[in-house]
């Protein structure tokens, strides 16, 4: 089972997760949203587990610049257009998805893996 961390190198929370996993020698794949957009399938997979509304970072600069706080919009469509709207970090396996840095949740996630 492969662990995937989705975020940006400038996101402090994402870097906390990366450091946490490296300290525990957990094998993971890092996806930098500044270099690659998520595929529609990846977005659907995450949305299925979290819910589309939970994926949008309402505190982000992009959210405010695009005026999304005053609009009715499709979260998946907006995320496909601008992946910087995604709440990061997103940590996912084949069966589970976490958002944000929470040491206890990360421990339970990697506890079920062969690290």
PDB file of N, CA and C in Angstrom:
ATOM      1  N   UNK A   1       0.850  -1.173   0.000  1.00  0.00           N
ATOM      2  CA  UNK A   1       0.000   0.000   0.000  1.00  0.00           C
ATOM      3  C   UNK A   1       0.894   1.234   0.000  1.00  0.00           C
ATOM      4  N   UNK A   2       0.724   2.087  -0.979  1.00  0.00           N
ATOM      5  CA  UNK A   2       1.549   3.286  -1.131  1.00  0.00           C
ATOM      6  C   UNK A   2       0.849   4.478  -0.487  1.00  0.00           C
ATOM      7  N   UNK A   3       1.635   5.277   0.206  1.00  0.00           N
ATOM      8  CA  UNK A   3       1.145   6.496   0.833  1.00  0.00           C
ATOM      9  C   UNK A   3       1.480   7.666  -0.080  1.00  0.00           C
ATOM     10  N   UNK A   4       0.520   8.572  -0.247  1.00  0.00           N
ATOM     11  CA  UNK A   4       0.718   9.732  -1.109  1.00  0.00           C
ATOM     12  C   UNK A   4       0.442  10.990  -0.298  1.00  0.00           C
ATOM     13  N   UNK A   5       1.361  11.962  -0.372  1.00  0.00           N
ATOM     14  CA  UNK A   5       1.199  13.256   0.282  1.00  0.00           C
ATOM     15  C   UNK A   5       1.046  14.297  -0.820  1.00  0.00           C
ATOM     16  N   UNK A   6      -0.074  15.031  -0.767  1.00  0.00           N
ATOM     17  CA  UNK A   6      -0.371  16.036  -1.783  1.00  0.00           C
ATOM     18  C   UNK A   6      -0.323  17.404  -1.114  1.00  0.00           C
ATOM     19  N   UNK A   7       0.456  18.310  -1.690  1.00  0.00           N
ATOM     20  CA  UNK A   7       0.570  19.661  -1.132  1.00  0.00           C
ATOM     21  C   UNK A   7       1.575  20.470  -1.915  1.00  0.00           C
ATOM     22  N   UNK A   8       2.142  21.480  -1.258  1.00  0.00           N
ATOM     23  CA  UNK A   8       3.188  22.288  -1.879  1.00  0.00           C
ATOM     24  C   UNK A   8       4.364  22.387  -0.922  1.00  0.00           C
ATOM     25  N   UNK A   9       5.523  22.677  -1.476  1.00  0.00           N
ATOM     26  CA  UNK A   9       6.722  22.791  -0.651  1.00  0.00           C
ATOM     27  C   UNK A   9       6.706  24.045   0.214  1.00  0.00           C
ATOM     28  N   UNK A  10       5.848  25.001  -0.113  1.00  0.00           N
ATOM     29  CA  UNK A  10       5.746  26.218   0.692  1.00  0.00           C
ATOM     30  C   UNK A  10       4.750  26.085   1.843  1.00  0.00           C
ATOM     31  N   UNK A  11       3.956  25.035   1.845  1.00  0.00           N
ATOM     32  CA  UNK A  11       2.938  24.820   2.882  1.00  0.00           C
ATOM     33  C   UNK A  11       3.600  24.215   4.126  1.00  0.00           C
ATOM     34  N   UNK A  12       3.547  24.925   5.233  1.00  0.00           N
ATOM     35  CA  UNK A  12       4.186  24.468   6.472  1.00  0.00           C
ATOM     36  C   UNK A  12       3.586  23.157   6.971  1.00  0.00           C
ATOM     37  N   UNK A  13       2.262  23.036   6.869  1.00  0.00           N
ATOM     38  CA  UNK A  13       1.606  21.811   7.331  1.00  0.00           C
ATOM     39  C   UNK A  13       2.033  20.611   6.488  1.00  0.00           C
ATOM     40  N   UNK A  14       2.172  20.813   5.185  1.00  0.00           N
ATOM     41  CA  UNK A  14       2.621  19.733   4.307  1.00  0.00           C
ATOM     42  C   UNK A  14       4.034  19.304   4.678  1.00  0.00           C
ATOM     43  N   UNK A  15       4.898  20.269   4.927  1.00  0.00           N
ATOM     44  CA  UNK A  15       6.277  19.944   5.282  1.00  0.00           C
ATOM     45  C   UNK A  15       6.361  19.248   6.642  1.00  0.00           C
ATOM     46  N   UNK A  16       5.429  19.540   7.558  1.00  0.00           N
ATOM     47  CA  UNK A  16       5.371  18.824   8.841  1.00  0.00           C
ATOM     48  C   UNK A  16       5.084  17.346   8.598  1.00  0.00           C
ATOM     49  N   UNK A  17       4.122  17.079   7.695  1.00  0.00           N
ATOM     50  CA  UNK A  17       3.769  15.691   7.382  1.00  0.00           C
ATOM     51  C   UNK A  17       4.952  14.982   6.736  1.00  0.00           C
ATOM     52  N   UNK A  18       5.613  15.645   5.790  1.00  0.00           N
ATOM     53  CA  UNK A  18       6.777  15.056   5.114  1.00  0.00           C
ATOM     54  C   UNK A  18       7.859  14.720   6.138  1.00  0.00           C
ATOM     55  N   UNK A  19       8.148  15.649   7.024  1.00  0.00           N
ATOM     56  CA  UNK A  19       9.166  15.419   8.053  1.00  0.00           C
ATOM     57  C   UNK A  19       8.757  14.270   8.984  1.00  0.00           C
ATOM     58  N   UNK A  20       7.493  14.256   9.388  1.00  0.00           N
ATOM     59  CA  UNK A  20       6.950  13.214  10.258  1.00  0.00           C
ATOM     60  C   UNK A  20       7.155  11.837   9.630  1.00  0.00           C
ATOM     61  N   UNK A  21       6.829  11.717   8.341  1.00  0.00           N
ATOM     62  CA  UNK A  21       6.961  10.430   7.655  1.00  0.00           C
ATOM     63  C   UNK A  21       8.418  10.035   7.453  1.00  0.00           C
ATOM     64  N   UNK A  22       9.271  11.004   7.131  1.00  0.00           N
ATOM     65  CA  UNK A  22      10.696  10.704   6.943  1.00  0.00           C
ATOM     66  C   UNK A  22      11.335  10.245   8.249  1.00  0.00           C
ATOM     67  N   UNK A  23      10.964  10.877   9.367  1.00  0.00           N
ATOM     68  CA  UNK A  23      11.511  10.491  10.669  1.00  0.00           C
ATOM     69  C   UNK A  23      11.146   9.050  11.008  1.00  0.00           C
ATOM     70  N   UNK A  24      10.015   8.575  10.515  1.00  0.00           N
ATOM     71  CA  UNK A  24       9.566   7.209  10.795  1.00  0.00           C
ATOM     72  C   UNK A  24       9.909   6.245   9.657  1.00  0.00           C
ATOM     73  N   UNK A  25      10.670   6.747   8.699  1.00  0.00           N
ATOM     74  CA  UNK A  25      11.129   5.956   7.549  1.00  0.00           C
ATOM     75  C   UNK A  25       9.979   5.297   6.802  1.00  0.00           C
ATOM     76  N   UNK A  26       8.929   6.078   6.591  1.00  0.00           N
ATOM     77  CA  UNK A  26       7.773   5.600   5.848  1.00  0.00           C
ATOM     78  C   UNK A  26       7.957   5.989   4.384  1.00  0.00           C
ATOM     79  N   UNK A  27       7.788   5.022   3.504  1.00  0.00           N
ATOM     80  CA  UNK A  27       7.896   5.267   2.072  1.00  0.00           C
ATOM     81  C   UNK A  27       6.631   5.980   1.605  1.00  0.00           C
ATOM     82  N   UNK A  28       6.791   7.108   0.906  1.00  0.00           N
ATOM     83  CA  UNK A  28       5.648   7.851   0.416  1.00  0.00           C
ATOM     84  C   UNK A  28       6.002   8.565  -0.875  1.00  0.00           C
ATOM     85  N   UNK A  29       4.959   8.965  -1.601  1.00  0.00           N
ATOM     86  CA  UNK A  29       5.114   9.738  -2.829  1.00  0.00           C
ATOM     87  C   UNK A  29       4.618  11.153  -2.537  1.00  0.00           C
ATOM     88  N   UNK A  30       5.418  12.160  -2.913  1.00  0.00           N
ATOM     89  CA  UNK A  30       5.021  13.546  -2.717  1.00  0.00           C
ATOM     90  C   UNK A  30       4.551  14.128  -4.044  1.00  0.00           C
ATOM     91  N   UNK A  31       3.357  14.726  -4.047  1.00  0.00           N
ATOM     92  CA  UNK A  31       2.815  15.379  -5.235  1.00  0.00           C
ATOM     93  C   UNK A  31       2.778  16.874  -4.947  1.00  0.00           C
ATOM     94  N   UNK A  32       3.586  17.633  -5.685  1.00  0.00           N
ATOM     95  CA  UNK A  32       3.634  19.085  -5.523  1.00  0.00           C
ATOM     96  C   UNK A  32       2.608  19.712  -6.463  1.00  0.00           C
ATOM     97  N   UNK A  33       1.606  20.357  -5.883  1.00  0.00           N
ATOM     98  CA  UNK A  33       0.530  20.953  -6.683  1.00  0.00           C
ATOM     99  C   UNK A  33       1.006  22.103  -7.555  1.00  0.00           C
ATOM    100  N   UNK A  34       2.183  22.651  -7.253  1.00  0.00           N
ATOM    101  CA  UNK A  34       2.732  23.707  -8.108  1.00  0.00           C
ATOM    102  C   UNK A  34       3.342  23.131  -9.380  1.00  0.00           C
ATOM    103  N   UNK A  35       3.616  21.833  -9.383  1.00  0.00           N
ATOM    104  CA  UNK A  35       4.213  21.198 -10.548  1.00  0.00           C
ATOM    105  C   UNK A  35       3.234  20.332 -11.337  1.00  0.00           C
ATOM    106  N   UNK A  36       2.206  19.826 -10.652  1.00  0.00           N
ATOM    107  CA  UNK A  36       1.270  18.914 -11.316  1.00  0.00           C
ATOM    108  C   UNK A  36      -0.125  19.061 -10.734  1.00  0.00           C
ATOM    109  N   UNK A  37      -1.109  19.161 -11.616  1.00  0.00           N
ATOM    110  CA  UNK A  37      -2.507  19.161 -11.186  1.00  0.00           C
ATOM    111  C   UNK A  37      -2.929  17.730 -10.894  1.00  0.00           C
ATOM    112  N   UNK A  38      -3.931  17.601 -10.054  1.00  0.00           N
ATOM    113  CA  UNK A  38      -4.496  16.278  -9.803  1.00  0.00           C
ATOM    114  C   UNK A  38      -5.397  15.899 -10.974  1.00  0.00           C
ATOM    115  N   UNK A  39      -5.410  14.632 -11.298  1.00  0.00           N
ATOM    116  CA  UNK A  39      -6.279  14.159 -12.371  1.00  0.00           C
ATOM    117  C   UNK A  39      -7.727  14.158 -11.878  1.00  0.00           C
ATOM    118  N   UNK A  40      -8.681  14.165 -12.801  1.00  0.00           N
ATOM    119  CA  UNK A  40     -10.091  14.092 -12.383  1.00  0.00           C
ATOM    120  C   UNK A  40     -10.373  12.854 -11.521  1.00  0.00           C
ATOM    121  N   UNK A  41      -9.713  11.750 -11.835  1.00  0.00           N
ATOM    122  CA  UNK A  41      -9.895  10.528 -11.041  1.00  0.00           C
ATOM    123  C   UNK A  41      -9.379  10.684  -9.620  1.00  0.00           C
ATOM    124  N   UNK A  42      -8.226  11.339  -9.466  1.00  0.00           N
ATOM    125  CA  UNK A  42      -7.681  11.579  -8.134  1.00  0.00           C
ATOM    126  C   UNK A  42      -8.597  12.498  -7.330  1.00  0.00           C
ATOM    127  N   UNK A  43      -9.089  13.569  -7.976  1.00  0.00           N
ATOM    128  CA  UNK A  43     -10.020  14.473  -7.302  1.00  0.00           C
ATOM    129  C   UNK A  43     -11.286  13.738  -6.868  1.00  0.00           C
ATOM    130  N   UNK A  44     -11.834  12.915  -7.753  1.00  0.00           N
ATOM    131  CA  UNK A  44     -13.039  12.149  -7.429  1.00  0.00           C
ATOM    132  C   UNK A  44     -12.791  11.202  -6.271  1.00  0.00           C
ATOM    133  N   UNK A  45     -11.633  10.547  -6.273  1.00  0.00           N
ATOM    134  CA  UNK A  45     -11.285   9.606  -5.208  1.00  0.00           C
ATOM    135  C   UNK A  45     -11.223  10.311  -3.854  1.00  0.00           C
ATOM    136  N   UNK A  46     -10.598  11.465  -3.818  1.00  0.00           N
ATOM    137  CA  UNK A  46     -10.484  12.228  -2.565  1.00  0.00           C
ATOM    138  C   UNK A  46     -11.858  12.750  -2.149  1.00  0.00           C
ATOM    139  N   UNK A  47     -12.620  13.267  -3.107  1.00  0.00           N
ATOM    140  CA  UNK A  47     -13.946  13.808  -2.819  1.00  0.00           C
ATOM    141  C   UNK A  47     -14.893  12.734  -2.289  1.00  0.00           C
ATOM    142  N   UNK A  48     -14.751  11.521  -2.797  1.00  0.00           N
ATOM    143  CA  UNK A  48     -15.591  10.415  -2.369  1.00  0.00           C
ATOM    144  C   UNK A  48     -15.397  10.133  -0.877  1.00  0.00           C
ATOM    145  N   UNK A  49     -14.179  10.306  -0.391  1.00  0.00           N
ATOM    146  CA  UNK A  49     -13.871  10.009   1.005  1.00  0.00           C
ATOM    147  C   UNK A  49     -14.059  11.211   1.935  1.00  0.00           C
ATOM    148  N   UNK A  50     -13.805  12.421   1.427  1.00  0.00           N
ATOM    149  CA  UNK A  50     -13.893  13.618   2.265  1.00  0.00           C
ATOM    150  C   UNK A  50     -15.180  14.404   2.075  1.00  0.00           C
ATOM    151  N   UNK A  51     -15.682  14.410   0.867  1.00  0.00           N
ATOM    152  CA  UNK A  51     -16.769  15.304   0.496  1.00  0.00           C
ATOM    153  C   UNK A  51     -16.165  16.519  -0.185  1.00  0.00           C
ATOM    154  N   UNK A  52     -16.736  16.952  -1.300  1.00  0.00           N
ATOM    155  CA  UNK A  52     -16.162  18.049  -2.079  1.00  0.00           C
ATOM    156  C   UNK A  52     -16.002  19.353  -1.292  1.00  0.00           C
ATOM    157  N   UNK A  53     -16.953  19.667  -0.423  1.00  0.00           N
ATOM    158  CA  UNK A  53     -16.879  20.917   0.337  1.00  0.00           C
ATOM    159  C   UNK A  53     -15.682  20.936   1.288  1.00  0.00           C
ATOM    160  N   UNK A  54     -15.311  19.780   1.816  1.00  0.00           N
ATOM    161  CA  UNK A  54     -14.185  19.679   2.759  1.00  0.00           C
ATOM    162  C   UNK A  54     -12.837  19.846   2.060  1.00  0.00           C
ATOM    163  N   UNK A  55     -12.828  19.767   0.747  1.00  0.00           N
ATOM    164  CA  UNK A  55     -11.573  19.836   0.005  1.00  0.00           C
ATOM    165  C   UNK A  55     -11.119  21.269  -0.254  1.00  0.00           C
ATOM    166  N   UNK A  56     -12.046  22.222  -0.222  1.00  0.00           N
ATOM    167  CA  UNK A  56     -11.733  23.614  -0.555  1.00  0.00           C
ATOM    168  C   UNK A  56     -11.164  24.334   0.668  1.00  0.00           C
ATOM    169  N   UNK A  57     -10.040  25.017   0.467  1.00  0.00           N
ATOM    170  CA  UNK A  57      -9.442  25.826   1.524  1.00  0.00           C
ATOM    171  C   UNK A  57     -10.056  27.226   1.452  1.00  0.00           C
ATOM    172  N   UNK A  58     -11.002  27.469   2.341  1.00  0.00           N
ATOM    173  CA  UNK A  58     -11.719  28.748   2.320  1.00  0.00           C
ATOM    174  C   UNK A  58     -10.887  29.895   2.881  1.00  0.00           C
ATOM    175  N   UNK A  59      -9.726  29.587   3.435  1.00  0.00           N
ATOM    176  CA  UNK A  59      -8.833  30.623   3.952  1.00  0.00           C
ATOM    177  C   UNK A  59      -7.709  30.963   2.974  1.00  0.00           C
ATOM    178  N   UNK A  60      -7.721  30.325   1.813  1.00  0.00           N
ATOM    179  CA  UNK A  60      -6.625  30.529   0.873  1.00  0.00           C
ATOM    180  C   UNK A  60      -6.747  31.853   0.130  1.00  0.00           C
ATOM    181  N   UNK A  61      -5.604  32.312  -0.329  1.00  0.00           N
ATOM    182  CA  UNK A  61      -5.527  33.543  -1.120  1.00  0.00           C
ATOM    183  C   UNK A  61      -6.340  33.392  -2.406  1.00  0.00           C
ATOM    184  N   UNK A  62      -6.253  32.225  -3.042  1.00  0.00           N
ATOM    185  CA  UNK A  62      -6.953  31.984  -4.302  1.00  0.00           C
ATOM    186  C   UNK A  62      -8.468  32.045  -4.109  1.00  0.00           C
ATOM    187  N   UNK A  63      -8.947  31.534  -2.978  1.00  0.00           N
ATOM    188  CA  UNK A  63     -10.386  31.526  -2.688  1.00  0.00           C
ATOM    189  C   UNK A  63     -10.910  32.958  -2.639  1.00  0.00           C
ATOM    190  N   UNK A  64     -10.166  33.816  -1.963  1.00  0.00           N
ATOM    191  CA  UNK A  64     -10.582  35.214  -1.832  1.00  0.00           C
ATOM    192  C   UNK A  64     -10.429  35.964  -3.160  1.00  0.00           C
ATOM    193  N   UNK A  65      -9.314  35.735  -3.869  1.00  0.00           N
ATOM    194  CA  UNK A  65      -9.080  36.421  -5.143  1.00  0.00           C
ATOM    195  C   UNK A  65     -10.133  36.082  -6.188  1.00  0.00           C
ATOM    196  N   UNK A  66     -10.578  34.855  -6.184  1.00  0.00           N
ATOM    197  CA  UNK A  66     -11.575  34.427  -7.169  1.00  0.00           C
ATOM    198  C   UNK A  66     -12.994  34.800  -6.741  1.00  0.00           C
ATOM    199  N   UNK A  67     -13.149  35.328  -5.543  1.00  0.00           N
ATOM    200  CA  UNK A  67     -14.457  35.742  -5.057  1.00  0.00           C
ATOM    201  C   UNK A  67     -15.400  34.590  -4.782  1.00  0.00           C
ATOM    202  N   UNK A  68     -14.862  33.424  -4.477  1.00  0.00           N
ATOM    203  CA  UNK A  68     -15.692  32.237  -4.283  1.00  0.00           C
ATOM    204  C   UNK A  68     -16.568  32.324  -3.037  1.00  0.00           C
ATOM    205  N   UNK A  69     -16.188  33.178  -2.095  1.00  0.00           N
ATOM    206  CA  UNK A  69     -16.996  33.306  -0.884  1.00  0.00           C
ATOM    207  C   UNK A  69     -18.374  33.896  -1.191  1.00  0.00           C
ATOM    208  N   UNK A  70     -18.501  34.547  -2.344  1.00  0.00           N
ATOM    209  CA  UNK A  70     -19.766  35.176  -2.730  1.00  0.00           C
ATOM    210  C   UNK A  70     -20.483  34.426  -3.849  1.00  0.00           C
ATOM    211  N   UNK A  71     -19.985  33.261  -4.210  1.00  0.00           N
ATOM    212  CA  UNK A  71     -20.524  32.536  -5.355  1.00  0.00           C
ATOM    213  C   UNK A  71     -21.037  31.158  -4.945  1.00  0.00           C
ATOM    214  N   UNK A  72     -21.934  30.638  -5.750  1.00  0.00           N
ATOM    215  CA  UNK A  72     -22.320  29.239  -5.664  1.00  0.00           C
ATOM    216  C   UNK A  72     -21.507  28.553  -6.758  1.00  0.00           C
ATOM    217  N   UNK A  73     -20.762  27.511  -6.388  1.00  0.00           N
ATOM    218  CA  UNK A  73     -19.858  26.892  -7.353  1.00  0.00           C
ATOM    219  C   UNK A  73     -19.744  25.396  -7.115  1.00  0.00           C
ATOM    220  N   UNK A  74     -19.226  24.700  -8.118  1.00  0.00           N
ATOM    221  CA  UNK A  74     -18.960  23.268  -8.028  1.00  0.00           C
ATOM    222  C   UNK A  74     -17.516  23.108  -7.542  1.00  0.00           C
ATOM    223  N   UNK A  75     -17.327  22.607  -6.312  1.00  0.00           N
ATOM    224  CA  UNK A  75     -15.966  22.499  -5.767  1.00  0.00           C
ATOM    225  C   UNK A  75     -15.009  21.689  -6.641  1.00  0.00           C
ATOM    226  N   UNK A  76     -15.485  20.590  -7.208  1.00  0.00           N
ATOM    227  CA  UNK A  76     -14.595  19.762  -8.024  1.00  0.00           C
ATOM    228  C   UNK A  76     -14.163  20.476  -9.294  1.00  0.00           C
ATOM    229  N   UNK A  77     -15.068  21.230  -9.885  1.00  0.00           N
ATOM    230  CA  UNK A  77     -14.728  21.990 -11.094  1.00  0.00           C
ATOM    231  C   UNK A  77     -13.693  23.069 -10.765  1.00  0.00           C
ATOM    232  N   UNK A  78     -13.879  23.762  -9.665  1.00  0.00           N
ATOM    233  CA  UNK A  78     -12.940  24.805  -9.261  1.00  0.00           C
ATOM    234  C   UNK A  78     -11.576  24.209  -8.917  1.00  0.00           C
ATOM    235  N   UNK A  79     -11.560  23.061  -8.246  1.00  0.00           N
ATOM    236  CA  UNK A  79     -10.291  22.406  -7.910  1.00  0.00           C
ATOM    237  C   UNK A  79      -9.567  21.912  -9.157  1.00  0.00           C
ATOM    238  N   UNK A  80     -10.324  21.464 -10.151  1.00  0.00           N
ATOM    239  CA  UNK A  80      -9.705  21.016 -11.403  1.00  0.00           C
ATOM    240  C   UNK A  80      -9.044  22.193 -12.110  1.00  0.00           C
ATOM    241  N   UNK A  81      -9.670  23.371 -12.025  1.00  0.00           N
ATOM    242  CA  UNK A  81      -9.104  24.562 -12.668  1.00  0.00           C
ATOM    243  C   UNK A  81      -7.932  25.142 -11.879  1.00  0.00           C
ATOM    244  N   UNK A  82      -8.032  25.140 -10.561  1.00  0.00           N
ATOM    245  CA  UNK A  82      -6.992  25.739  -9.722  1.00  0.00           C
ATOM    246  C   UNK A  82      -6.719  24.848  -8.510  1.00  0.00           C
ATOM    247  N   UNK A  83      -5.720  23.958  -8.615  1.00  0.00           N
ATOM    248  CA  UNK A  83      -5.434  23.025  -7.522  1.00  0.00           C
ATOM    249  C   UNK A  83      -4.952  23.715  -6.247  1.00  0.00           C
ATOM    250  N   UNK A  84      -4.573  24.996  -6.333  1.00  0.00           N
ATOM    251  CA  UNK A  84      -4.131  25.711  -5.134  1.00  0.00           C
ATOM    252  C   UNK A  84      -5.283  25.984  -4.173  1.00  0.00           C
ATOM    253  N   UNK A  85      -6.515  25.697  -4.584  1.00  0.00           N
ATOM    254  CA  UNK A  85      -7.676  25.832  -3.703  1.00  0.00           C
ATOM    255  C   UNK A  85      -7.812  24.644  -2.746  1.00  0.00           C
ATOM    256  N   UNK A  86      -7.080  23.576  -3.015  1.00  0.00           N
ATOM    257  CA  UNK A  86      -7.168  22.357  -2.212  1.00  0.00           C
ATOM    258  C   UNK A  86      -6.600  22.579  -0.820  1.00  0.00           C
ATOM    259  N   UNK A  87      -7.323  22.099   0.190  1.00  0.00           N
ATOM    260  CA  UNK A  87      -6.788  22.121   1.556  1.00  0.00           C
ATOM    261  C   UNK A  87      -5.626  21.142   1.601  1.00  0.00           C
ATOM    262  N   UNK A  88      -4.508  21.604   2.091  1.00  0.00           N
ATOM    263  CA  UNK A  88      -3.327  20.743   2.130  1.00  0.00           C
ATOM    264  C   UNK A  88      -2.808  20.647   3.549  1.00  0.00           C
ATOM    265  N   UNK A  89      -2.078  19.615   3.836  1.00  0.00           N
ATOM    266  CA  UNK A  89      -1.760  18.471   2.989  1.00  0.00           C
ATOM    267  C   UNK A  89      -2.899  17.457   2.956  1.00  0.00           C
ATOM    268  N   UNK A  90      -2.966  16.738   1.849  1.00  0.00           N
ATOM    269  CA  UNK A  90      -3.870  15.604   1.727  1.00  0.00           C
ATOM    270  C   UNK A  90      -2.983  14.374   1.773  1.00  0.00           C
ATOM    271  N   UNK A  91      -3.265  13.484   2.696  1.00  0.00           N
ATOM    272  CA  UNK A  91      -2.507  12.242   2.838  1.00  0.00           C
ATOM    273  C   UNK A  91      -3.472  11.121   2.495  1.00  0.00           C
ATOM    274  N   UNK A  92      -3.104  10.312   1.513  1.00  0.00           N
ATOM    275  CA  UNK A  92      -4.041   9.266   1.129  1.00  0.00           C
ATOM    276  C   UNK A  92      -3.361   7.934   0.883  1.00  0.00           C
ATOM    277  N   UNK A  93      -4.141   6.896   1.122  1.00  0.00           N
ATOM    278  CA  UNK A  93      -3.776   5.527   0.777  1.00  0.00           C
ATOM    279  C   UNK A  93      -4.903   5.033  -0.130  1.00  0.00           C
ATOM    280  N   UNK A  94      -4.907   3.762  -0.403  1.00  0.00           N
ATOM    281  CA  UNK A  94      -5.966   3.216  -1.241  1.00  0.00           C
ATOM    282  C   UNK A  94      -7.328   3.302  -0.566  1.00  0.00           C
ATOM    283  N   UNK A  95      -7.344   3.259   0.783  1.00  0.00           N
ATOM    284  CA  UNK A  95      -8.610   3.181   1.500  1.00  0.00           C
ATOM    285  C   UNK A  95      -8.961   4.414   2.320  1.00  0.00           C
ATOM    286  N   UNK A  96      -7.967   5.212   2.721  1.00  0.00           N
ATOM    287  CA  UNK A  96      -8.227   6.339   3.619  1.00  0.00           C
ATOM    288  C   UNK A  96      -7.629   7.633   3.097  1.00  0.00           C
ATOM    289  N   UNK A  97      -8.246   8.744   3.509  1.00  0.00           N
ATOM    290  CA  UNK A  97      -7.755  10.078   3.156  1.00  0.00           C
ATOM    291  C   UNK A  97      -7.805  10.947   4.404  1.00  0.00           C
ATOM    292  N   UNK A  98      -6.706  11.647   4.656  1.00  0.00           N
ATOM    293  CA  UNK A  98      -6.633  12.605   5.757  1.00  0.00           C
ATOM    294  C   UNK A  98      -6.300  13.970   5.185  1.00  0.00           C
ATOM    295  N   UNK A  99      -6.742  15.018   5.873  1.00  0.00           N
ATOM    296  CA  UNK A  99      -6.389  16.380   5.476  1.00  0.00           C
ATOM    297  C   UNK A  99      -5.795  17.060   6.695  1.00  0.00           C
ATOM    298  N   UNK A 100      -4.652  17.712   6.483  1.00  0.00           N
ATOM    299  CA  UNK A 100      -4.001  18.431   7.572  1.00  0.00           C
ATOM    300  C   UNK A 100      -3.064  17.540   8.365  1.00  0.00           C
ATOM    301  N   UNK A 101      -2.270  18.195   9.212  1.00  0.00           N
ATOM    302  CA  UNK A 101      -1.320  17.462  10.039  1.00  0.00           C
ATOM    303  C   UNK A 101      -1.958  17.136  11.378  1.00  0.00           C
ATOM    304  N   UNK A 102      -2.111  15.850  11.658  1.00  0.00           N
ATOM    305  CA  UNK A 102      -2.585  15.362  12.944  1.00  0.00           C
ATOM    306  C   UNK A 102      -1.771  14.113  13.248  1.00  0.00           C
ATOM    307  N   UNK A 103      -0.836  14.248  14.195  1.00  0.00           N
ATOM    308  CA  UNK A 103       0.112  13.168  14.488  1.00  0.00           C
ATOM    309  C   UNK A 103      -0.596  11.863  14.845  1.00  0.00           C
ATOM    310  N   UNK A 104      -1.641  11.950  15.632  1.00  0.00           N
ATOM    311  CA  UNK A 104      -2.354  10.739  16.061  1.00  0.00           C
ATOM    312  C   UNK A 104      -2.993  10.015  14.867  1.00  0.00           C
ATOM    313  N   UNK A 105      -3.637  10.771  13.989  1.00  0.00           N
ATOM    314  CA  UNK A 105      -4.259  10.168  12.803  1.00  0.00           C
ATOM    315  C   UNK A 105      -3.207   9.589  11.863  1.00  0.00           C
ATOM    316  N   UNK A 106      -2.085  10.302  11.720  1.00  0.00           N
ATOM    317  CA  UNK A 106      -1.003   9.796  10.869  1.00  0.00           C
ATOM    318  C   UNK A 106      -0.431   8.497  11.419  1.00  0.00           C
ATOM    319  N   UNK A 107      -0.255   8.438  12.737  1.00  0.00           N
ATOM    320  CA  UNK A 107       0.247   7.209  13.366  1.00  0.00           C
ATOM    321  C   UNK A 107      -0.684   6.039  13.079  1.00  0.00           C
ATOM    322  N   UNK A 108      -2.000   6.274  13.206  1.00  0.00           N
ATOM    323  CA  UNK A 108      -2.945   5.169  12.952  1.00  0.00           C
ATOM    324  C   UNK A 108      -2.936   4.798  11.462  1.00  0.00           C
ATOM    325  N   UNK A 109      -2.736   5.782  10.604  1.00  0.00           N
ATOM    326  CA  UNK A 109      -2.687   5.507   9.161  1.00  0.00           C
ATOM    327  C   UNK A 109      -1.477   4.658   8.798  1.00  0.00           C
ATOM    328  N   UNK A 110      -0.298   5.045   9.302  1.00  0.00           N
ATOM    329  CA  UNK A 110       0.909   4.297   8.956  1.00  0.00           C
ATOM    330  C   UNK A 110       1.065   3.037   9.788  1.00  0.00           C
ATOM    331  N   UNK A 111       0.332   2.945  10.889  1.00  0.00           N
ATOM    332  CA  UNK A 111       0.372   1.738  11.723  1.00  0.00           C
ATOM    333  C   UNK A 111      -0.159   0.525  10.999  1.00  0.00           C
ATOM    334  N   UNK A 112      -1.085   0.732  10.079  1.00  0.00           N
ATOM    335  CA  UNK A 112      -1.657  -0.353   9.310  1.00  0.00           C
ATOM    336  C   UNK A 112      -0.869  -0.711   8.073  1.00  0.00           C
ATOM    337  N   UNK A 113       0.251  -0.001   7.856  1.00  0.00           N
ATOM    338  CA  UNK A 113       1.070  -0.247   6.672  1.00  0.00           C
ATOM    339  C   UNK A 113       2.305  -1.059   7.023  1.00  0.00           C
ATOM    340  N   UNK A 114       2.878  -1.643   5.998  1.00  0.00           N
ATOM    341  CA  UNK A 114       4.193  -2.277   6.146  1.00  0.00           C
ATOM    342  C   UNK A 114       5.214  -1.222   5.844  1.00  0.00           C
ATOM    343  N   UNK A 115       5.756  -0.594   6.860  1.00  0.00           N
ATOM    344  CA  UNK A 115       6.720   0.504   6.662  1.00  0.00           C
ATOM    345  C   UNK A 115       8.136   0.013   6.682  1.00  0.00           C
TER     346      UNK A 115
END
